């Protein structure tokens, strides 16, 4: 039977010690609490004692192993009395502590004694001051939490790492636990993940590749190395099961550039069990605090590629997606692919070869056409042409860098200075214009306030106008702050040329345009609408390279042979077009003759 007589029931001696309590000294140690409770029980005739102790658990959290075991015993009816050193040992949350001592224990017929506070539930008067003791206990916890939070913030703002646990790819320094050292084996996997990202692979694809290559996932790897120790419930049966979230988390971490990132998470209250994700703008980053595994250019490239969604329903994703823009409306261009069969039979029974469709068109043109409000124009261009132009731009600039490095750096600096000077003038004009508008809004707000006071303007109308004016002011002030920040940052950026030169030196083979080359070289491609006014279809495409933008390589004057070859090609194209026009006219005339003959026959 669960129910026992009063003499047979357990006298539960509960003790608790938190990390904060340890700083007070040995007077609150678990051993001293147990000794005090045993002495009190013996002197006051309590028998059948049983200890319940939680060492290292905060009083603000009731999710403690022995406390839960004690509650289970009470639920079963096996406990007659609960004795603790004081009220704060039960807990420092005054609401939950009050519930257990004032409600739960009484409902279960359990006598409660707090020795140091002279509280005994059999003596009703002794518990009158208990609520105030509970409030003081919580105030102590709140104050301790405030001090810990202040210390935590001071440490984080000073540049010290807020966690000693090294992320995957690093390991703690045996000589100094605050330092991280590169783990060579795991670092190679991190590099591989970034390389695959730059090749256009998504987190799911990367996870599958690592699984197939039998690469141990981070948790299993760290467990095998003895760096972390998981509970027996940890599943060791799938050592290569990388998750998509793990891959994405690795790609997004600035720590791999050698930076310390503090304040990733926060808690609204010391009572919260789960931390919340802090917005990235609230992170505090200290650069170059440990050895880097990934260089900043590679990391930035990976972040840029992660923002672009790529379709894989027609095979491999197109690596140019997200980089091609319309020159007129500025919108991204959509990639359209249709795997036509290699041969088709038309209505007349002729067999014709049709290559697979792979083109880019303006997204504004496509989307507005669905709403029957067509805007912009098609700007259609084949992917193969874009790839040829991109590869040609990369090859020509790379050759120029390798043969004329000094001249290349000079041109980049000069073009940068010109662009920044033009942008600075534009920014200053816009700032002056927006400041003038803010002054006008201040005058308008003052006027409508006076009209409202004098009764010329209703309160409702005043509130509506003032809200509109204040909203416009806020938007203008934000715009001015952004423009001023850009204006302050304008300076001769000689490092941009050096960074591009580093990319050129990384590559030795420029014969084929690879996804990695596209990611590292191409910033964007701007496509203009085709021009047919000359009788030939001509289309301008601007290739912008990372760090240097649109760079024109000085081209030598064409030779007489080249000019003659170009003229021959032009005449050949014109002859082809003329032949097509004659064929179309002849076909149209024949069709008209057939229609006339049919009409005459019918008449």
Protein backbone atom coordinates (compact mmCIF):
# COMPACT_ATOMS: atom_id res chain seq x y z
CA UNK A 1 0.00 0.00 0.00
CA UNK A 2 1.17 3.53 -0.76
CA UNK A 3 -0.52 5.12 2.23
CA UNK A 4 1.37 4.67 5.47
CA UNK A 5 0.80 5.63 9.11
CA UNK A 6 2.34 8.89 10.37
CA UNK A 7 5.15 6.98 12.14
CA UNK A 8 6.00 4.96 9.00
CA UNK A 9 6.09 7.89 6.59
CA UNK A 10 9.39 9.37 5.46
CA UNK A 11 10.83 12.47 7.06
CA UNK A 12 12.38 14.11 4.01
CA UNK A 13 15.46 16.21 4.72
CA UNK A 14 15.89 18.49 1.70
CA UNK A 15 19.11 20.37 0.97
CA UNK A 16 20.17 22.42 -2.04
CA UNK A 17 23.27 24.31 -3.10
CA UNK A 18 23.72 26.51 -6.15
CA UNK A 19 26.88 27.85 -7.74
CA UNK A 20 26.12 31.31 -6.36
CA UNK A 21 25.71 29.90 -2.84
CA UNK A 22 29.18 28.35 -3.05
CA UNK A 23 30.74 31.80 -3.03
CA UNK A 24 29.35 32.47 0.45
CA UNK A 25 31.50 29.75 2.02
CA UNK A 26 31.22 26.31 3.59
CA UNK A 27 28.34 27.26 5.88
CA UNK A 28 25.84 26.34 3.16
CA UNK A 29 27.63 23.28 1.85
CA UNK A 30 25.54 20.17 1.27
CA UNK A 31 27.43 18.35 4.05
CA UNK A 32 26.72 21.09 6.59
CA UNK A 33 23.06 21.26 5.59
CA UNK A 34 22.69 17.48 5.98
CA UNK A 35 24.37 17.54 9.39
CA UNK A 36 22.10 20.36 10.59
CA UNK A 37 18.95 18.62 9.32
CA UNK A 38 19.92 15.27 10.91
CA UNK A 39 20.66 16.95 14.25
CA UNK A 40 17.30 18.80 14.20
CA UNK A 41 15.41 15.59 13.31
CA UNK A 42 17.07 13.64 16.14
CA UNK A 43 16.43 16.36 18.73
CA UNK A 44 12.78 16.76 17.76
CA UNK A 45 11.79 13.11 17.48
CA UNK A 46 11.64 12.69 13.71
CA UNK A 47 12.49 9.18 12.51
CA UNK A 48 12.66 7.29 9.23
CA UNK A 49 14.68 10.08 7.64
CA UNK A 50 15.66 10.22 3.96
CA UNK A 51 17.95 12.76 2.32
CA UNK A 52 17.02 14.57 -0.88
CA UNK A 53 19.88 16.77 -2.14
CA UNK A 54 20.39 18.91 -5.25
CA UNK A 55 23.98 20.08 -5.51
CA UNK A 56 24.71 22.78 -8.07
CA UNK A 57 21.08 23.72 -8.92
CA UNK A 58 19.64 27.24 -8.89
CA UNK A 59 16.71 28.05 -6.64
CA UNK A 60 15.00 29.79 -9.53
CA UNK A 61 14.54 26.49 -11.33
CA UNK A 62 12.41 23.65 -9.89
CA UNK A 63 13.57 21.22 -12.55
CA UNK A 64 15.96 19.52 -10.09
CA UNK A 65 16.46 15.74 -9.94
CA UNK A 66 16.00 15.15 -6.21
CA UNK A 67 13.30 17.78 -5.86
CA UNK A 68 11.28 15.96 -8.53
CA UNK A 69 11.96 12.67 -6.75
CA UNK A 70 10.70 14.22 -3.51
CA UNK A 71 7.51 15.44 -5.22
CA UNK A 72 6.92 11.93 -6.61
CA UNK A 73 7.22 10.43 -3.11
CA UNK A 74 4.77 13.01 -1.77
CA UNK A 75 2.34 12.22 -4.60
CA UNK A 76 2.53 8.56 -3.60
CA UNK A 77 1.73 9.48 0.02
CA UNK A 78 5.08 8.23 1.38
CA UNK A 79 6.24 11.52 2.97
CA UNK A 80 4.93 12.88 6.26
CA UNK A 81 7.33 15.77 6.91
CA UNK A 82 9.69 17.93 4.84
CA UNK A 83 12.49 19.76 6.66
CA UNK A 84 14.90 22.25 5.10
CA UNK A 85 17.48 24.67 6.46
CA UNK A 86 15.46 27.70 5.35
CA UNK A 87 12.83 28.77 2.82
CA UNK A 88 15.43 29.69 0.17
CA UNK A 89 16.61 26.04 0.04
CA UNK A 90 13.16 25.10 -1.31
CA UNK A 91 13.45 27.76 -4.00
CA UNK A 92 13.91 31.44 -4.80
CA UNK A 93 10.86 31.85 -7.03
CA UNK A 94 8.37 33.26 -4.56
CA UNK A 95 5.29 32.15 -6.55
CA UNK A 96 6.33 28.50 -6.95
CA UNK A 97 7.87 28.30 -3.47
CA UNK A 98 4.64 29.68 -2.01
CA UNK A 99 2.62 27.17 -4.00
CA UNK A 100 4.56 24.17 -2.68
CA UNK A 101 4.80 25.31 0.96
CA UNK A 102 1.35 26.93 1.29
CA UNK A 103 -0.81 24.82 -1.04
CA UNK A 104 0.75 21.58 -2.26
CA UNK A 105 2.18 20.36 1.08
CA UNK A 106 -1.05 21.19 2.91
CA UNK A 107 -3.21 19.39 0.34
CA UNK A 108 -1.02 16.28 0.63
CA UNK A 109 -1.00 16.40 4.43
CA UNK A 110 2.75 17.05 4.62
CA UNK A 111 4.21 19.01 7.50
CA UNK A 112 6.81 21.58 6.43
CA UNK A 113 9.59 22.99 8.62
CA UNK A 114 12.16 25.68 7.73
CA UNK A 115 14.59 25.62 10.66
CA UNK A 116 16.39 28.97 10.30
CA UNK A 117 13.15 30.86 9.62
CA UNK A 118 11.26 29.28 12.58
CA UNK A 119 8.49 28.17 10.23
CA UNK A 120 6.41 25.08 11.05
CA UNK A 121 3.18 24.46 9.14
CA UNK A 122 1.61 23.00 12.30
CA UNK A 123 1.99 26.44 13.89
CA UNK A 124 -0.16 28.71 11.72
CA UNK A 125 1.29 31.92 13.17
CA UNK A 126 4.87 30.94 12.29
CA UNK A 127 4.08 31.11 8.58
CA UNK A 128 2.69 34.63 8.50
CA UNK A 129 6.05 36.08 7.49
CA UNK A 130 6.79 33.32 4.92
CA UNK A 131 5.54 35.27 1.85
CA UNK A 132 7.94 38.10 2.65
CA UNK A 133 10.80 35.63 3.03
CA UNK A 134 9.96 34.18 -0.38
CA UNK A 135 9.95 37.64 -1.95
CA UNK A 136 13.33 38.43 -0.34
CA UNK A 137 14.71 35.11 -1.64
CA UNK A 138 13.60 35.96 -5.17
CA UNK A 139 15.04 39.46 -4.82
CA UNK A 140 18.35 37.83 -3.92
CA UNK A 141 18.14 35.68 -7.06
CA UNK A 142 17.15 38.69 -9.18
CA UNK A 143 20.05 40.72 -7.78
CA UNK A 144 22.49 37.87 -8.33
CA UNK A 145 21.21 37.49 -11.91
CA UNK A 146 21.67 41.22 -12.53
CA UNK A 147 25.25 41.04 -11.29
CA UNK A 148 26.00 37.97 -13.41
CA UNK A 149 24.44 39.63 -16.44
CA UNK A 150 26.52 42.78 -15.91
CA UNK A 151 29.67 40.70 -15.52
CA UNK A 152 28.73 38.68 -18.61
CA UNK A 153 28.23 41.85 -20.65
CA UNK A 154 31.47 43.43 -19.43
CA UNK A 155 33.38 40.30 -20.37
CA UNK A 156 31.71 40.12 -23.78
CA UNK A 157 32.30 43.79 -24.56
CA UNK A 158 35.98 43.50 -23.58
CA UNK A 159 36.56 41.01 -26.39
CA UNK A 160 36.81 37.88 -24.29
CA UNK A 161 34.97 34.86 -25.60
CA UNK A 162 31.76 34.07 -23.70
CA UNK A 163 32.14 30.34 -24.15
CA UNK A 164 35.15 28.08 -23.76
CA UNK A 165 33.56 25.40 -25.95
CA UNK A 166 35.35 25.35 -29.31
CA UNK A 167 33.22 25.04 -32.45
CA UNK A 168 33.76 22.31 -35.03
CA UNK A 169 37.08 22.94 -36.78
CA UNK A 170 38.81 24.19 -33.64
CA UNK A 171 39.94 22.74 -30.34
CA UNK A 172 40.77 24.42 -27.00
CA UNK A 173 44.41 25.22 -26.31
CA UNK A 174 45.67 22.86 -23.57
CA UNK A 175 47.76 25.71 -22.17
CA UNK A 176 44.99 28.31 -22.18
CA UNK A 177 41.33 27.26 -22.30
CA UNK A 178 40.31 30.70 -23.57
CA UNK A 179 42.28 30.20 -26.79
CA UNK A 180 41.27 28.16 -29.82
CA UNK A 181 43.62 26.15 -32.00
CA UNK A 182 42.82 24.79 -35.46
CA UNK A 183 41.89 21.12 -35.53
CA UNK A 184 43.54 20.11 -38.85
CA UNK A 185 41.24 17.17 -39.57
CA UNK A 186 37.97 19.01 -38.94
CA UNK A 187 39.27 22.21 -40.56
CA UNK A 188 39.67 20.37 -43.88
CA UNK A 189 35.99 19.38 -43.73
CA UNK A 190 35.01 23.00 -43.03
CA UNK A 191 37.02 24.12 -46.08
CA UNK A 192 35.34 21.42 -48.17
CA UNK A 193 31.91 22.65 -47.10
CA UNK A 194 32.75 26.20 -48.22
CA UNK A 195 34.23 24.95 -51.50
CA UNK A 196 31.07 22.98 -52.25
CA UNK A 197 28.95 26.03 -51.43
CA UNK A 198 30.93 28.15 -53.88
CA UNK A 199 30.48 25.42 -56.49
CA UNK A 200 26.75 26.04 -56.20
CA UNK A 201 25.78 23.18 -53.89
CA UNK A 202 23.09 23.76 -51.26
CA UNK A 203 23.21 22.52 -47.63
CA UNK A 204 21.08 19.46 -48.43
CA UNK A 205 23.33 18.48 -51.34
CA UNK A 206 26.46 19.04 -49.23
CA UNK A 207 25.05 16.90 -46.40
CA UNK A 208 24.39 14.09 -48.89
CA UNK A 209 27.90 14.35 -50.35
CA UNK A 210 29.55 14.19 -46.91
CA UNK A 211 27.35 11.24 -45.98
CA UNK A 212 28.33 9.37 -49.13
CA UNK A 213 32.01 10.13 -48.48
CA UNK A 214 31.56 8.75 -44.95
CA UNK A 215 32.63 11.93 -43.19
CA UNK A 216 31.77 11.83 -39.48
CA UNK A 217 29.24 14.43 -38.43
CA UNK A 218 30.49 17.04 -35.86
CA UNK A 219 28.73 15.59 -32.79
CA UNK A 220 30.02 12.07 -33.47
CA UNK A 221 33.50 13.34 -34.35
CA UNK A 222 33.79 15.37 -31.12
CA UNK A 223 32.50 12.39 -29.12
CA UNK A 224 35.06 10.07 -30.68
CA UNK A 225 37.83 12.58 -29.94
CA UNK A 226 36.72 12.80 -26.32
CA UNK A 227 36.12 16.55 -26.62
CA UNK A 228 32.46 16.18 -25.56
CA UNK A 229 30.80 13.50 -23.46
CA UNK A 230 27.22 12.65 -24.33
CA UNK A 231 24.77 10.73 -22.19
CA UNK A 232 24.12 7.04 -22.79
CA UNK A 233 20.96 7.97 -24.68
CA UNK A 234 23.04 9.52 -27.47
CA UNK A 235 22.52 7.70 -30.77
CA UNK A 236 25.84 6.47 -32.21
CA UNK A 237 24.25 4.38 -34.97
CA UNK A 238 24.42 7.07 -37.71
CA UNK A 239 27.91 8.62 -37.57
CA UNK A 240 27.68 10.09 -41.10
CA UNK A 241 24.16 11.53 -40.95
CA UNK A 242 24.92 15.24 -41.52
CA UNK A 243 21.91 17.50 -41.17
CA UNK A 244 21.05 20.44 -43.40
CA UNK A 245 20.91 22.77 -40.38
CA UNK A 246 24.43 21.77 -39.32
CA UNK A 247 25.80 22.64 -42.78
CA UNK A 248 23.95 25.97 -42.89
CA UNK A 249 25.12 26.82 -39.37
CA UNK A 250 28.77 26.18 -40.30
CA UNK A 251 28.55 28.34 -43.44
CA UNK A 252 27.06 31.28 -41.52
CA UNK A 253 29.63 31.43 -38.69
CA UNK A 254 32.05 34.41 -38.84
CA UNK A 255 34.25 32.53 -36.34
CA UNK A 256 35.80 30.64 -39.26
CA UNK A 257 37.37 33.92 -40.41
CA UNK A 258 39.16 34.14 -37.06
CA UNK A 259 36.59 36.38 -35.35
CA UNK A 260 35.02 36.17 -31.89
CA UNK A 261 31.23 36.60 -31.89
CA UNK A 262 29.56 37.46 -28.59
CA UNK A 263 25.89 37.90 -27.61
CA UNK A 264 24.41 35.51 -30.16
CA UNK A 265 21.61 34.74 -27.69
CA UNK A 266 19.84 36.48 -24.83
CA UNK A 267 17.20 35.92 -22.17
CA UNK A 268 14.42 38.37 -21.33
CA UNK A 269 14.38 37.17 -17.72
CA UNK A 270 16.50 35.07 -15.41
CA UNK A 271 13.44 32.81 -15.14
CA UNK A 272 13.62 31.87 -18.82
CA UNK A 273 14.96 28.38 -19.48
CA UNK A 274 15.54 28.77 -23.21
CA UNK A 275 17.73 31.48 -24.69
CA UNK A 276 16.48 33.43 -27.71
CA UNK A 277 18.36 34.20 -30.92
CA UNK A 278 19.73 37.73 -30.93
CA UNK A 279 19.36 39.72 -34.19
CA UNK A 280 22.69 39.90 -36.04
CA UNK A 281 22.83 43.67 -35.63
CA UNK A 282 23.08 43.09 -31.85
CA UNK A 283 26.06 40.76 -32.14
CA UNK A 284 29.44 42.10 -31.01
CA UNK A 285 32.27 40.88 -33.25
CA UNK A 286 35.98 41.12 -32.50
CA UNK A 287 38.12 40.42 -35.54
CA UNK A 288 41.28 38.35 -35.84
CA UNK A 289 41.21 36.83 -32.34
CA UNK A 290 42.31 33.36 -33.46
CA UNK A 291 43.67 31.58 -36.53
CA UNK A 292 41.31 31.65 -39.52
CA UNK A 293 40.21 28.56 -41.43
CA UNK A 294 38.35 30.49 -44.16
CA UNK A 295 39.55 33.75 -45.72
CA UNK A 296 37.09 36.70 -45.75
CA UNK A 297 36.63 36.64 -49.55
CA UNK A 298 35.59 32.99 -49.53
CA UNK A 299 33.26 33.55 -46.57
CA UNK A 300 31.59 36.58 -48.20
CA UNK A 301 31.21 34.71 -51.48
CA UNK A 302 29.53 31.82 -49.68
CA UNK A 303 27.09 34.20 -47.95
CA UNK A 304 26.21 35.85 -51.25
CA UNK A 305 25.55 32.51 -52.93
CA UNK A 306 23.41 31.30 -50.02
CA UNK A 307 20.99 34.18 -50.62
CA UNK A 308 20.22 33.05 -54.16
CA UNK A 309 17.67 30.27 -54.66
CA UNK A 310 18.63 27.96 -57.52
CA UNK A 311 16.38 25.55 -59.37
CA UNK A 312 17.60 21.99 -59.77
CA UNK A 313 14.51 20.47 -61.35
CA UNK A 314 16.23 20.43 -64.77
CA UNK A 315 19.54 19.02 -63.59
CA UNK A 316 22.37 20.99 -62.07
CA UNK A 317 21.57 24.53 -60.92
CA UNK A 318 22.66 27.35 -63.21
CA UNK A 319 25.61 29.09 -61.47
CA UNK A 320 24.77 32.42 -63.14
CA UNK A 321 21.37 32.62 -61.44
CA UNK A 322 21.17 35.62 -59.13
CA UNK A 323 23.97 37.43 -60.95
CA UNK A 324 22.13 38.54 -64.12
CA UNK A 325 20.21 41.86 -64.02
CA UNK A 326 18.09 43.89 -66.44
CA UNK A 327 19.80 47.12 -67.48
CA UNK A 328 16.52 49.08 -67.76
CA UNK A 329 14.51 48.18 -64.63
CA UNK A 330 17.32 46.75 -62.49
CA UNK A 331 15.40 43.55 -61.68
CA UNK A 332 16.97 40.11 -61.67
CA UNK A 333 16.60 38.07 -64.83
CA UNK A 334 14.94 34.66 -64.73
CA UNK A 335 16.55 31.55 -66.12
CA UNK A 336 14.25 29.47 -68.34
CA UNK A 337 15.25 25.94 -69.28
CA UNK A 338 13.27 23.44 -71.28
CA UNK A 339 14.83 20.07 -72.16
CA UNK A 340 13.49 19.71 -75.69
CA UNK A 341 14.18 16.36 -77.42
CA UNK A 342 17.11 16.41 -79.81
CA UNK A 343 14.79 15.80 -82.77
CA UNK A 344 11.21 16.83 -83.50
CA UNK A 345 8.79 16.24 -86.36
CA UNK A 346 6.85 19.29 -87.48
CA UNK A 347 3.33 19.38 -88.96
CA UNK A 348 4.59 18.72 -92.49
CA UNK A 349 6.50 15.63 -91.38
CA UNK A 350 9.95 17.16 -91.56
CA UNK A 351 12.47 16.09 -88.91
CA UNK A 352 14.24 19.07 -87.31
CA UNK A 353 16.82 19.33 -84.56
CA UNK A 354 16.05 21.67 -81.68
CA UNK A 355 18.67 22.41 -79.04
CA UNK A 356 17.63 22.57 -75.36
CA UNK A 357 16.24 25.94 -74.33
CA UNK A 358 18.39 27.81 -71.81
CA UNK A 359 17.82 31.57 -71.74
CA UNK A 360 17.50 34.53 -69.37
CA UNK A 361 14.65 37.06 -69.53
CA UNK A 362 13.70 40.12 -67.46
CA UNK A 363 11.67 39.11 -64.39
CA UNK A 364 9.64 42.34 -64.47
CA UNK A 365 8.60 41.59 -68.06
CA UNK A 366 7.58 38.04 -67.09
CA UNK A 367 5.72 38.87 -63.88
CA UNK A 368 3.80 41.90 -65.13
CA UNK A 369 2.70 39.98 -68.23
CA UNK A 370 0.74 37.62 -65.98
CA UNK A 371 -1.26 40.61 -64.69
CA UNK A 372 -1.90 41.92 -68.25
CA UNK A 373 0.08 45.05 -67.38
CA UNK A 374 3.31 44.36 -69.24
CA UNK A 375 6.26 46.48 -68.13
CA UNK A 376 9.87 46.65 -69.28
CA UNK A 377 10.96 44.46 -72.22
CA UNK A 378 12.14 40.89 -72.67
CA UNK A 379 15.93 41.44 -72.74
CA UNK A 380 16.26 37.80 -73.82
CA UNK A 381 19.74 36.33 -74.01
CA UNK A 382 21.01 32.76 -74.18
CA UNK A 383 22.92 31.32 -71.24
CA UNK A 384 25.67 30.04 -73.52
CA UNK A 385 26.30 33.62 -74.72
CA UNK A 386 26.50 34.91 -71.14
CA UNK A 387 28.98 32.19 -70.26
CA UNK A 388 31.14 33.00 -73.29
CA UNK A 389 31.13 36.73 -72.46
CA UNK A 390 31.88 36.08 -68.77
CA UNK A 391 34.75 33.74 -69.59
CA UNK A 392 36.14 36.20 -72.15
CA UNK A 393 36.02 39.03 -69.57
CA UNK A 394 37.75 36.89 -66.94
CA UNK A 395 40.41 35.73 -69.39
CA UNK A 396 41.19 39.19 -70.75
CA UNK A 397 41.39 40.89 -67.33
CA UNK A 398 43.44 38.02 -65.85
CA UNK A 399 45.92 38.19 -68.75
CA UNK A 400 46.21 41.94 -68.27
CA UNK A 401 46.83 41.50 -64.52
CA UNK A 402 49.57 38.93 -65.09
CA UNK A 403 51.37 40.99 -67.73
CA UNK A 404 50.68 44.56 -66.50
CA UNK A 405 50.04 44.36 -62.75
CA UNK A 406 51.27 47.89 -61.98
CA UNK A 407 49.15 49.43 -64.74
CA UNK A 408 46.13 47.40 -63.56
CA UNK A 409 46.44 48.72 -59.99
CA UNK A 410 46.80 52.27 -61.29
CA UNK A 411 43.65 52.03 -63.43
CA UNK A 412 41.59 50.53 -60.58
CA UNK A 413 42.62 53.33 -58.22
CA UNK A 414 41.85 56.04 -60.78
CA UNK A 415 38.44 54.61 -61.70
CA UNK A 416 37.62 54.15 -57.98
CA UNK A 417 38.47 57.78 -57.27
CA UNK A 418 36.30 58.98 -60.18
CA UNK A 419 33.30 56.85 -59.11
CA UNK A 420 33.59 57.94 -55.49
CA UNK A 421 33.85 61.61 -56.48
CA UNK A 422 30.69 61.35 -58.59
CA UNK A 423 28.85 59.48 -55.83
CA UNK A 424 29.99 62.03 -53.23
CA UNK A 425 28.55 64.90 -55.25
CA UNK A 426 25.25 63.06 -55.69
CA UNK A 427 25.07 62.17 -51.99
CA UNK A 428 25.74 65.77 -50.91
CA UNK A 429 23.00 67.11 -53.20
CA UNK A 430 20.52 64.55 -51.89
CA UNK A 431 21.43 65.20 -48.24
CA UNK A 432 20.94 68.96 -48.71
CA UNK A 433 17.57 68.36 -50.38
CA UNK A 434 16.36 66.03 -47.61
CA UNK A 435 17.56 68.39 -44.85
CA UNK A 436 15.60 71.20 -46.49
CA UNK A 437 12.49 68.99 -46.54
CA UNK A 438 12.93 68.16 -42.82
CA UNK A 439 13.03 71.89 -42.04
CA UNK A 440 9.83 72.39 -44.09
CA UNK A 441 8.15 69.56 -42.15
CA UNK A 442 9.11 71.18 -38.84
CA UNK A 443 7.41 74.37 -40.01
CA UNK A 444 4.30 72.47 -41.12
CA UNK A 445 4.04 70.61 -37.80
CA UNK A 446 4.33 73.88 -35.89
CA UNK A 447 1.58 75.44 -38.03
CA UNK A 448 -0.91 72.59 -37.66
CA UNK A 449 -0.24 72.57 -33.89
CA UNK A 450 -1.12 76.27 -33.70
CA UNK A 451 -4.22 75.70 -35.87
CA UNK A 452 -5.28 72.88 -33.55
CA UNK A 453 -4.82 75.02 -30.44
CA UNK A 454 -6.80 77.88 -32.04
CA UNK A 455 -9.60 75.52 -33.03
CA UNK A 456 -9.02 75.81 -36.78
CA UNK A 457 -8.06 72.12 -37.04
CA UNK A 458 -9.85 69.19 -35.40
CA UNK A 459 -7.95 66.84 -33.09
CA UNK A 460 -8.55 63.91 -35.46
CA UNK A 461 -7.21 65.82 -38.46
CA UNK A 462 -4.25 67.09 -36.41
CA UNK A 463 -3.29 63.57 -35.33
CA UNK A 464 -3.54 62.26 -38.90
CA UNK A 465 -1.38 65.04 -40.37
CA UNK A 466 1.16 65.02 -37.56
CA UNK A 467 1.63 61.24 -37.90
CA UNK A 468 2.18 61.56 -41.66
CA UNK A 469 4.67 64.39 -41.22
CA UNK A 470 6.56 62.62 -38.44
CA UNK A 471 6.73 59.38 -40.43
CA UNK A 472 8.16 61.26 -43.42
CA UNK A 473 10.67 62.96 -41.12
CA UNK A 474 11.80 59.61 -39.71
CA UNK A 475 12.29 58.17 -43.19
CA UNK A 476 14.28 61.25 -44.28
CA UNK A 477 16.48 61.12 -41.18
CA UNK A 478 17.24 57.44 -41.78
CA UNK A 479 18.07 58.17 -45.41
CA UNK A 480 20.39 61.04 -44.42
CA UNK A 481 22.17 58.84 -41.86
CA UNK A 482 22.72 56.13 -44.48
CA UNK A 483 23.96 58.59 -47.11
CA UNK A 484 26.26 60.29 -44.59
CA UNK A 485 27.71 56.93 -43.54
CA UNK A 486 28.46 56.09 -47.18
CA UNK A 487 29.91 59.57 -47.70
CA UNK A 488 32.20 59.17 -44.70
CA UNK A 489 33.41 55.82 -45.98
CA UNK A 490 34.51 57.13 -49.41
CA UNK A 491 38.30 56.91 -49.71
CA UNK A 492 40.86 55.59 -52.15
CA UNK A 493 40.47 51.85 -51.82
CA UNK A 494 43.77 50.49 -53.08
CA UNK A 495 43.14 47.17 -51.34
CA UNK A 496 40.43 46.27 -53.88
CA UNK A 497 42.96 45.78 -56.66
CA UNK A 498 45.15 43.66 -54.39
CA UNK A 499 42.22 41.44 -53.48
CA UNK A 500 41.36 40.87 -57.14
CA UNK A 501 45.01 40.05 -57.89
CA UNK A 502 44.87 37.39 -55.16
CA UNK A 503 41.91 35.76 -56.93
CA UNK A 504 43.79 35.77 -60.25
CA UNK A 505 46.80 34.12 -58.64
CA UNK A 506 44.59 31.39 -57.16
CA UNK A 507 43.58 30.17 -60.62
CA UNK A 508 45.90 28.70 -63.20
CA UNK A 509 43.44 27.27 -65.71
CA UNK A 510 41.16 29.76 -67.49
CA UNK A 511 40.11 27.48 -70.34
CA UNK A 512 36.70 26.62 -68.85
CA UNK A 513 34.20 28.66 -66.87
CA UNK A 514 33.59 26.75 -63.63
CA UNK A 515 30.98 27.54 -60.92
CA UNK A 516 33.83 28.42 -58.55
CA UNK A 517 35.26 30.92 -61.04
CA UNK A 518 31.82 32.49 -61.49
CA UNK A 519 31.38 32.84 -57.72
CA UNK A 520 34.84 34.31 -57.13
CA UNK A 521 35.10 36.58 -60.19
CA UNK A 522 31.61 37.75 -61.16
CA UNK A 523 29.82 40.42 -59.12
CA UNK A 524 26.94 40.89 -61.55
CA UNK A 525 26.05 40.84 -65.27
CA UNK A 526 23.86 43.64 -66.67
CA UNK A 527 21.98 42.84 -69.89
CA UNK A 528 20.62 45.56 -72.21
CA UNK A 529 17.75 45.15 -74.65
CA UNK A 530 18.79 43.99 -78.11
CA UNK A 531 19.13 46.69 -80.80
CA UNK A 532 18.05 45.77 -84.35
CA UNK A 533 18.05 49.27 -85.86
CA UNK A 534 21.16 48.57 -87.93
CA UNK A 535 19.64 45.45 -89.45
CA UNK A 536 21.77 43.25 -87.22
CA UNK A 537 20.84 42.11 -83.72
CA UNK A 538 23.28 43.75 -81.33
CA UNK A 539 23.05 43.43 -77.55
CA UNK A 540 25.23 45.12 -74.95
CA UNK A 541 26.21 43.07 -71.90
CA UNK A 542 28.20 44.60 -69.03
CA UNK A 543 30.32 42.25 -66.90
CA UNK A 544 31.08 43.54 -63.38
CA UNK A 545 33.90 41.75 -61.57
CA UNK A 546 34.27 41.45 -57.80
CA UNK A 547 36.25 44.29 -56.15
CA UNK A 548 36.99 46.13 -59.42
CA UNK A 549 33.57 46.45 -61.08
CA UNK A 550 33.38 46.95 -64.83
CA UNK A 551 36.97 46.98 -66.03
CA UNK A 552 37.85 47.77 -69.62
CA UNK A 553 41.07 46.14 -70.74
CA UNK A 554 42.95 48.41 -73.21
CA UNK A 555 42.43 46.74 -76.57
CA UNK A 556 45.00 47.05 -79.35
CA UNK A 557 43.88 48.58 -82.62
CA UNK A 558 42.58 45.93 -85.04
CA UNK A 559 44.90 44.91 -87.83
CA UNK A 560 44.01 45.23 -91.52
CA UNK A 561 43.49 41.46 -91.71
CA UNK A 562 41.11 41.53 -88.73
CA UNK A 563 39.16 44.44 -90.19
CA UNK A 564 38.89 42.65 -93.55
CA UNK A 565 37.72 39.44 -91.83
CA UNK A 566 35.10 41.37 -89.87
CA UNK A 567 33.85 43.05 -93.06
CA UNK A 568 33.58 39.67 -94.82
CA UNK A 569 31.60 38.28 -91.88
CA UNK A 570 29.30 41.33 -91.98
CA UNK A 571 28.65 40.91 -95.73
CA UNK A 572 27.99 37.18 -95.20
CA UNK A 573 25.42 37.93 -92.52
CA UNK A 574 23.77 40.50 -94.75
CA UNK A 575 23.59 38.02 -97.64
CA UNK A 576 21.98 35.44 -95.33
CA UNK A 577 19.39 37.95 -94.17
CA UNK A 578 18.66 39.00 -97.76
CA UNK A 579 18.20 35.36 -98.77
CA UNK A 580 15.80 34.85 -95.86
CA UNK A 581 13.80 37.93 -96.92
CA UNK A 582 13.55 36.71 -100.52
CA UNK A 583 12.49 33.26 -99.34
CA UNK A 584 9.81 34.77 -97.05
CA UNK A 585 8.50 37.04 -99.84
CA UNK A 586 8.40 34.17 -102.33
CA UNK A 587 6.57 31.98 -99.81
CA UNK A 588 4.05 34.72 -99.09
CA UNK A 589 3.44 35.31 -102.82
CA UNK A 590 2.88 31.60 -103.45
CA UNK A 591 0.42 31.43 -100.54
CA UNK A 592 -1.51 34.41 -101.93
CA UNK A 593 -1.65 32.79 -105.39
CA UNK A 594 -3.02 29.57 -103.88
CA UNK A 595 -5.69 31.51 -101.96
CA UNK A 596 -6.68 33.43 -105.15
CA UNK A 597 -6.90 30.21 -107.16
CA UNK A 598 -9.08 28.62 -104.48
CA UNK A 599 -11.42 31.61 -104.48
CA UNK A 600 -11.74 31.56 -108.30
CA UNK A 601 -12.44 27.84 -108.25
CA UNK A 602 -15.17 28.31 -105.68
CA UNK A 603 -16.77 31.09 -107.70
